[in-house]
Protein backbone atom coordinates (compact mmCIF):
# COMPACT_ATOMS: atom_id res chain seq x y z
CA UNK A 1 -2.54 0.89 16.89
CA UNK A 2 -4.12 3.80 15.01
CA UNK A 3 -2.47 5.53 12.05
CA UNK A 4 -2.06 8.74 14.05
CA UNK A 5 -0.43 6.87 16.92
CA UNK A 6 1.93 5.04 14.55
CA UNK A 7 3.00 8.35 12.96
CA UNK A 8 3.52 9.90 16.37
CA UNK A 9 5.76 7.03 17.47
CA UNK A 10 7.64 7.15 14.17
CA UNK A 11 8.45 10.83 14.63
CA UNK A 12 9.53 10.33 18.23
CA UNK A 13 11.76 7.43 17.16
CA UNK A 14 13.46 9.57 14.48
CA UNK A 15 13.84 12.48 16.91
CA UNK A 16 15.25 10.41 19.80
CA UNK A 17 17.39 8.03 17.77
CA UNK A 18 18.40 4.46 18.61
CA UNK A 19 18.35 5.19 22.33
CA UNK A 20 14.57 5.09 22.10
CA UNK A 21 14.62 1.40 21.13
CA UNK A 22 14.46 -1.51 23.48
CA UNK A 23 14.68 0.51 26.72
CA UNK A 24 12.21 0.00 29.50
CA UNK A 25 9.70 2.80 29.29
CA UNK A 26 10.96 3.70 25.83
CA UNK A 27 9.19 3.48 22.51
CA UNK A 28 10.03 -0.19 22.18
CA UNK A 29 10.33 -2.19 18.98
CA UNK A 30 7.89 -5.04 19.14
CA UNK A 31 4.26 -5.60 19.91
CA UNK A 32 4.02 -2.25 21.62
CA UNK A 33 6.51 -0.49 19.37
CA UNK A 34 7.16 0.04 15.70
CA UNK A 35 9.60 -0.75 12.90
CA UNK A 36 11.15 1.85 10.61
CA UNK A 37 10.85 1.59 6.85
CA UNK A 38 13.93 1.41 4.64
CA UNK A 39 13.61 5.11 3.85
CA UNK A 40 13.19 5.97 7.51
CA UNK A 41 16.29 3.93 8.38
CA UNK A 42 18.27 5.95 5.83
CA UNK A 43 16.91 9.17 7.27
CA UNK A 44 17.74 7.96 10.78
CA UNK A 45 21.33 7.24 9.75
CA UNK A 46 21.87 10.78 8.41
CA UNK A 47 20.42 12.28 11.60
CA UNK A 48 22.56 10.05 13.81
CA UNK A 49 25.75 11.00 11.96
CA UNK A 50 25.12 14.63 12.84
CA UNK A 51 23.22 14.72 16.11
CA UNK A 52 24.54 11.60 17.83
CA UNK A 53 28.08 11.72 16.46
CA UNK A 54 29.74 11.16 19.84
CA UNK A 55 28.15 7.68 20.03
CA UNK A 56 28.31 6.83 16.35
CA UNK A 57 31.04 6.98 13.77
CA UNK A 58 29.81 10.42 12.76
CA UNK A 59 30.91 11.90 9.47
CA UNK A 60 34.59 11.91 10.22
CA UNK A 61 36.92 14.01 8.11
CA UNK A 62 36.66 11.89 5.01
CA UNK A 63 35.52 13.85 1.97
CA UNK A 64 33.62 10.85 0.53
CA UNK A 65 31.70 10.48 3.79
CA UNK A 66 30.77 14.15 3.83
CA UNK A 67 29.81 14.09 0.13
CA UNK A 68 27.60 11.05 0.70
CA UNK A 69 25.96 12.68 3.72
CA UNK A 70 25.29 15.90 1.79
CA UNK A 71 23.59 13.89 -0.91
CA UNK A 72 21.56 11.89 1.62
CA UNK A 73 20.12 14.89 3.45
CA UNK A 74 19.01 16.40 0.15
CA UNK A 75 17.26 13.12 -0.61
CA UNK A 76 15.40 12.82 2.68
CA UNK A 77 14.65 16.40 3.74
CA UNK A 78 13.19 19.61 2.24
CA UNK A 79 15.51 22.49 1.33
CA UNK A 80 14.74 24.52 4.46
CA UNK A 81 15.71 21.56 6.68
CA UNK A 82 18.81 20.81 4.59
CA UNK A 83 20.09 24.34 5.21
CA UNK A 84 19.61 24.00 8.97
CA UNK A 85 21.41 20.63 9.04
CA UNK A 86 24.31 22.00 7.00
CA UNK A 87 24.68 24.89 9.43
CA UNK A 88 24.51 22.50 12.37
CA UNK A 89 27.20 20.32 10.77
CA UNK A 90 29.52 23.30 10.43
CA UNK A 91 28.98 24.32 14.05
CA UNK A 92 28.75 20.93 15.81
CA UNK A 93 31.29 18.94 13.83
CA UNK A 94 33.53 21.76 12.59
CA UNK A 95 33.17 20.45 9.04
CA UNK A 96 35.21 23.13 7.32
CA UNK A 97 35.99 20.44 4.76
CA UNK A 98 32.52 21.17 3.35
CA UNK A 99 33.83 24.57 2.30
CA UNK A 100 37.38 23.63 1.34
CA UNK A 101 36.73 21.15 -1.48
CA UNK A 102 34.99 22.41 -4.65
CA UNK A 103 33.37 18.99 -5.18
CA UNK A 104 31.73 19.21 -1.76
CA UNK A 105 30.85 22.89 -2.01
CA UNK A 106 28.96 22.28 -5.24
CA UNK A 107 26.61 19.93 -3.38
CA UNK A 108 25.81 22.33 -0.53
CA UNK A 109 22.45 24.11 -0.50
CA UNK A 110 23.45 27.82 -0.49
CA UNK A 111 21.94 30.38 1.88
CA UNK A 112 22.94 33.50 3.82
CA UNK A 113 24.51 31.48 6.65
CA UNK A 114 26.65 29.51 4.22
CA UNK A 115 27.81 32.76 2.60
CA UNK A 116 28.74 34.04 6.07
CA UNK A 117 30.82 30.92 6.69
CA UNK A 118 32.54 31.24 3.31
CA UNK A 119 33.40 34.87 3.97
CA UNK A 120 34.88 34.03 7.36
CA UNK A 121 37.15 31.49 5.63
CA UNK A 122 37.83 33.53 2.49
CA UNK A 123 41.49 34.11 3.35
CA UNK A 124 42.25 30.42 3.88
CA UNK A 125 40.12 28.76 1.19
CA UNK A 126 42.41 26.97 -1.29
CA UNK A 127 42.80 28.48 -4.73
CA UNK A 128 41.05 25.50 -6.34
CA UNK A 129 37.94 26.25 -4.27
CA UNK A 130 37.80 30.05 -4.55
CA UNK A 131 36.00 30.12 -7.89
CA UNK A 132 33.39 27.65 -6.64
CA UNK A 133 32.99 29.73 -3.47
CA UNK A 134 32.36 32.85 -5.57
CA UNK A 135 29.76 30.95 -7.61
CA UNK A 136 27.95 29.92 -4.42
CA UNK A 137 28.01 33.48 -3.07
CA UNK A 138 26.86 34.82 -6.45
CA UNK A 139 23.89 32.44 -6.45
CA UNK A 140 22.75 33.64 -3.01
CA UNK A 141 23.34 37.31 -3.83
CA UNK A 142 21.41 37.06 -7.12
CA UNK A 143 18.51 35.36 -5.35
CA UNK A 144 18.40 38.02 -2.63
CA UNK A 145 18.69 40.85 -5.16
CA UNK A 146 15.69 39.51 -7.08
CA UNK A 147 13.72 39.42 -3.85
CA UNK A 148 14.82 42.72 -2.33
CA UNK A 149 15.56 45.14 -5.20
CA UNK A 150 12.02 46.11 -6.23
CA UNK A 151 10.72 46.75 -2.68
CA UNK A 152 13.82 48.83 -1.96
CA UNK A 153 13.57 50.92 -5.13
CA UNK A 154 9.83 51.49 -4.80
CA UNK A 155 10.02 52.53 -1.15
CA UNK A 156 12.99 54.86 -1.53
CA UNK A 157 11.87 56.42 -4.83
CA UNK A 158 8.44 57.09 -3.38
CA UNK A 159 9.91 58.77 -0.33
CA UNK A 160 12.31 60.82 -2.46
CA UNK A 161 9.44 62.02 -4.66
CA UNK A 162 7.47 63.13 -1.61
CA UNK A 163 10.53 64.78 -0.13
CA UNK A 164 11.16 66.82 -3.30
CA UNK A 165 7.66 68.27 -3.63
CA UNK A 166 7.65 72.02 -3.43
CA UNK A 167 4.44 73.74 -2.31
CA UNK A 168 5.69 77.26 -3.01
CA UNK A 169 6.94 76.84 -6.58
CA UNK A 170 7.96 79.49 -9.03
CA UNK A 171 5.82 79.60 -12.22
CA UNK A 172 8.33 77.50 -14.18
CA UNK A 173 8.46 74.87 -11.41
CA UNK A 174 4.70 74.12 -11.20
CA UNK A 175 3.78 70.45 -11.64
CA UNK A 176 0.40 71.00 -13.32
CA UNK A 177 -0.66 67.37 -13.22
CA UNK A 178 -0.24 67.11 -9.43
CA UNK A 179 -1.64 70.61 -8.91
CA UNK A 180 -4.85 69.83 -10.82
CA UNK A 181 -5.35 66.53 -8.96
CA UNK A 182 -4.80 68.21 -5.60
CA UNK A 183 -7.38 70.90 -6.39
CA UNK A 184 -10.14 68.86 -8.06
CA UNK A 185 -12.35 69.56 -5.06
CA UNK A 186 -12.25 73.23 -6.09
CA UNK A 187 -13.85 72.66 -9.50
CA UNK A 188 -16.45 75.36 -10.45
CA UNK A 189 -18.83 73.88 -13.06
CA UNK A 190 -20.36 77.28 -13.94
CA UNK A 191 -16.93 78.50 -15.05
CA UNK A 192 -15.66 75.09 -16.20
CA UNK A 193 -12.53 75.85 -14.16
CA UNK A 194 -10.52 74.67 -11.19
CA UNK A 195 -9.37 77.13 -8.56
CA UNK A 196 -5.72 76.26 -7.84
CA UNK A 197 -5.81 76.89 -4.11
CA UNK A 198 -2.56 74.99 -3.56
CA UNK A 199 0.33 74.70 -6.02
CA UNK A 200 2.66 71.70 -6.29
CA UNK A 201 6.10 72.15 -7.78
CA UNK A 202 8.78 69.81 -9.06
CA UNK A 203 11.31 71.15 -6.57
CA UNK A 204 14.85 72.24 -7.23
CA UNK A 205 17.13 69.85 -9.05
CA UNK A 206 20.14 68.71 -7.06
CA UNK A 207 22.88 66.16 -7.62
CA UNK A 208 21.69 64.14 -4.62
CA UNK A 209 18.78 64.69 -2.29
CA UNK A 210 20.25 62.58 0.50
CA UNK A 211 23.71 61.29 1.39
CA UNK A 212 23.43 57.77 2.82
CA UNK A 213 26.29 56.12 4.71
CA UNK A 214 26.03 52.43 5.57
CA UNK A 215 28.57 51.76 8.31
CA UNK A 216 28.68 48.03 9.05
CA UNK A 217 30.39 46.09 11.82
CA UNK A 218 32.21 43.12 10.24
CA UNK A 219 32.80 41.18 13.45
CA UNK A 220 31.77 37.52 13.26
CA UNK A 221 28.41 37.99 14.98
CA UNK A 222 27.31 40.48 12.31
CA UNK A 223 27.90 38.19 9.32
CA UNK A 224 24.30 37.97 8.07
CA UNK A 225 23.85 41.71 8.54
CA UNK A 226 26.92 42.33 6.38
CA UNK A 227 25.50 40.21 3.54
CA UNK A 228 22.17 42.05 3.50
CA UNK A 229 23.83 45.46 3.92
CA UNK A 230 26.02 44.87 0.89
CA UNK A 231 23.01 44.04 -1.27
CA UNK A 232 20.97 47.02 -0.08
CA UNK A 233 23.99 49.28 -0.54
CA UNK A 234 24.37 48.10 -4.13
CA UNK A 235 20.68 48.79 -4.81
CA UNK A 236 20.87 52.28 -3.27
CA UNK A 237 23.96 53.02 -5.35
CA UNK A 238 21.84 52.71 -8.52
CA UNK A 239 19.71 55.70 -7.46
CA UNK A 240 21.00 59.05 -8.72
CA UNK A 241 18.86 60.91 -6.18
CA UNK A 242 20.99 59.59 -3.31
CA UNK A 243 24.70 59.37 -2.74
CA UNK A 244 25.64 56.07 -1.07
CA UNK A 245 28.82 55.15 0.82
CA UNK A 246 29.63 51.68 2.17
CA UNK A 247 31.97 51.47 5.16
CA UNK A 248 32.94 48.29 7.02
CA UNK A 249 34.94 48.13 10.21
CA UNK A 250 36.45 45.96 12.91
CA UNK A 251 39.48 47.50 14.62
CA UNK A 252 40.25 49.14 11.26
CA UNK A 253 37.97 50.97 8.83
CA UNK A 254 37.66 50.10 5.13
CA UNK A 255 35.75 52.17 2.56
CA UNK A 256 34.22 49.74 0.03
CA UNK A 257 32.13 52.31 -1.85
CA UNK A 258 33.95 51.58 -5.11
CA UNK A 259 32.79 47.94 -4.92
CA UNK A 260 29.08 48.74 -4.60
CA UNK A 261 28.49 47.93 -8.27
CA UNK A 262 29.09 44.26 -7.46
CA UNK A 263 28.00 42.93 -4.03
CA UNK A 264 30.06 39.75 -4.52
CA UNK A 265 33.29 41.73 -4.94
CA UNK A 266 32.25 43.84 -1.97
CA UNK A 267 31.64 40.80 0.24
CA UNK A 268 34.97 39.25 -0.63
CA UNK A 269 36.57 42.57 0.26
CA UNK A 270 35.39 42.16 3.86
CA UNK A 271 37.15 40.24 6.62
CA UNK A 272 34.78 38.73 9.14
CA UNK A 273 36.00 38.39 12.71
CA UNK A 274 38.39 40.38 14.83
CA UNK A 275 37.64 43.16 17.27
CA UNK A 276 35.31 46.16 17.11
CA UNK A 277 36.23 49.86 17.17
CA UNK A 278 32.99 51.80 16.62
CA UNK A 279 34.69 55.01 17.72
CA UNK A 280 37.18 54.79 14.85
CA UNK A 281 34.37 54.04 12.39
CA UNK A 282 32.37 57.09 13.53
CA UNK A 283 35.51 59.23 13.26
CA UNK A 284 35.85 58.20 9.62
CA UNK A 285 32.17 58.93 8.98
CA UNK A 286 32.66 62.42 10.43
CA UNK A 287 35.36 63.02 7.84
CA UNK A 288 33.34 61.92 4.80
CA UNK A 289 29.99 63.53 5.71
CA UNK A 290 29.99 66.95 4.06
CA UNK A 291 26.24 67.78 4.21
CA UNK A 292 25.15 66.85 7.74
CA UNK A 293 21.57 68.12 7.38
CA UNK A 294 21.05 65.96 4.28
CA UNK A 295 22.87 62.86 5.58
CA UNK A 296 21.55 59.57 6.95
CA UNK A 297 24.06 57.39 8.79
CA UNK A 298 22.93 53.78 9.23
CA UNK A 299 25.23 52.21 11.82
CA UNK A 300 24.83 48.42 11.87
CA UNK A 301 26.47 46.92 14.97
CA UNK A 302 25.75 45.04 18.19
CA UNK A 303 27.41 47.96 20.06
CA UNK A 304 30.04 45.84 21.84
CA UNK A 305 32.73 48.49 21.70
CA UNK A 306 36.34 47.35 21.93
CA UNK A 307 37.75 50.86 21.53
CA UNK A 308 37.19 54.07 23.47
CA UNK A 309 33.53 53.94 24.53
CA UNK A 310 33.43 57.44 26.01
CA UNK A 311 34.93 58.92 22.85
CA UNK A 312 32.48 56.89 20.74
CA UNK A 313 29.47 58.37 22.56
CA UNK A 314 30.99 61.84 22.23
CA UNK A 315 31.40 61.41 18.47
CA UNK A 316 27.86 60.10 18.12
CA UNK A 317 26.58 63.16 19.99
CA UNK A 318 28.63 65.46 17.73
CA UNK A 319 27.19 63.85 14.61
CA UNK A 320 23.63 64.21 15.90
CA UNK A 321 24.32 67.79 16.93
CA UNK A 322 25.63 68.65 13.47
CA UNK A 323 22.33 67.56 11.93
CA UNK A 324 23.19 64.01 10.81
CA UNK A 325 20.26 61.61 11.06
CA UNK A 326 21.61 58.43 12.70
CA UNK A 327 19.84 55.11 13.08
CA UNK A 328 21.56 52.18 14.78
CA UNK A 329 20.51 48.71 13.64
CA UNK A 330 21.51 46.03 16.14
CA UNK A 331 21.06 43.46 13.37
CA UNK A 332 19.87 43.37 9.77
CA UNK A 333 18.87 39.74 9.47
CA UNK A 334 16.16 37.15 10.00
CA UNK A 335 18.06 35.51 12.87
CA UNK A 336 15.73 36.75 15.61
CA UNK A 337 16.56 38.91 18.64
CA UNK A 338 20.29 39.68 18.60
CA UNK A 339 22.67 39.87 21.51
CA UNK A 340 23.85 43.45 22.01
CA UNK A 341 25.25 45.86 24.60
CA UNK A 342 22.09 47.08 26.33
CA UNK A 343 23.86 49.85 28.27
CA UNK A 344 25.37 51.43 25.15
CA UNK A 345 22.04 51.06 23.33
CA UNK A 346 20.42 53.00 26.18
CA UNK A 347 23.07 55.73 25.86
CA UNK A 348 22.35 55.96 22.13
CA UNK A 349 18.64 56.32 22.89
CA UNK A 350 19.44 59.21 25.24
CA UNK A 351 21.17 60.92 22.32
CA UNK A 352 18.00 60.54 20.25
CA UNK A 353 19.45 57.77 18.08
CA UNK A 354 16.77 55.15 17.26
CA UNK A 355 18.30 51.77 18.11
CA UNK A 356 16.66 48.46 17.17
CA UNK A 357 17.03 45.30 15.09
CA UNK A 358 15.49 45.17 11.62
CA UNK A 359 14.61 42.33 9.28
CA UNK A 360 15.58 42.63 5.58
CA UNK A 361 11.96 42.81 4.44
CA UNK A 362 11.36 45.89 6.63
CA UNK A 363 14.60 47.68 5.75
CA UNK A 364 13.27 49.39 2.58
CA UNK A 365 10.33 50.87 4.50
CA UNK A 366 12.68 51.94 7.29
CA UNK A 367 14.92 53.78 4.81
CA UNK A 368 11.89 55.44 3.23
CA UNK A 369 10.77 56.64 6.67
CA UNK A 370 14.29 57.96 7.38
CA UNK A 371 14.37 59.91 4.09
CA UNK A 372 11.05 61.51 5.03
CA UNK A 373 12.47 62.29 8.49
CA UNK A 374 9.76 60.34 10.27
CA UNK A 375 10.13 59.42 13.95
CA UNK A 376 11.90 56.05 13.57
CA UNK A 377 11.26 54.98 17.16
CA UNK A 378 7.56 55.40 16.47
CA UNK A 379 8.01 53.60 13.14
CA UNK A 380 9.62 50.68 14.99
CA UNK A 381 6.76 50.53 17.48
CA UNK A 382 4.21 50.54 14.65
CA UNK A 383 6.01 47.56 13.12
CA UNK A 384 6.13 45.73 16.48
CA UNK A 385 9.87 46.22 16.83
CA UNK A 386 11.23 46.83 20.33
CA UNK A 387 13.61 49.80 20.29
CA UNK A 388 16.17 50.54 22.99
CA UNK A 389 15.06 53.02 25.64
CA UNK A 390 16.97 55.73 27.44
């Protein structure tokens, strides 16, 4: 048997489990089959405990068993696979014990999905575990902030600078550096001079160029979106050129703007789960938006309205009519195509509200395009994102 064939059989054996052994037409375990190494047998045992638990002893509810299993998967698999298996364990085996004991939680590989699970259990996590839970969430938040802060600041600052340029400046507002660079083509060597055909000014100073409202659905399906929104909201809040508000909602509306300085505090101020009342959330946004023509409302929701749908669409139309720039993100995550209410998304599109899902790495560019008042449906198409149609 060739090396390639042996490796192929090994992988199939690990994927199929013990059922692949000794059955007619199976992989076999003899002259025509293969034997697993000691390491492979250990790997096979960890896979069986999770994916064949109904036929094996599984992990059970014993904390030592879970702790041992968490250690084993970190031994046998890369970090990316460990995270997937942890998430599968939470979903398939309902292993909330992983999140209830600080000793177990310390061994878990943290990621956005784990943070989502912790937030959904934040009200029932024992006191002895809460500090460990915050440390896990802090680790993920810090990692995401390091990854996302610079792209966000660069994109938004660049768009704000372009938006503040004034091409009809008063004499005291002229930006001579930009003006000279813009008019270099008009240099007259015989006079050693540049003809300033177009002037560029610094623009008028204002307390905030744009008012940004992040309005985020905190129902269970939007968990990852809530994590990313909190981080982006905290980054935006550091920019003096924009005013940022952070609103979360289910059947009630909570203004978490005061917590934007610390995304961890903000996240633990949310309550994942429950119903969805987008109409009530939009009503609150109507109250706090004081400069409609300078406001960007980013509504992050799957559009499954549990409140008054007709009233919701009416409020959305009123906001658009007043001059508010609305974009509806069906998801802000890397989880792939989200489930959403296609009919409501189509109604939003009829109102001229761009409606699509967005990954975290594209969000900074999307916000920059919104600040510059670009056509966001066209922006989505350019980035190979499918937007809802009327």
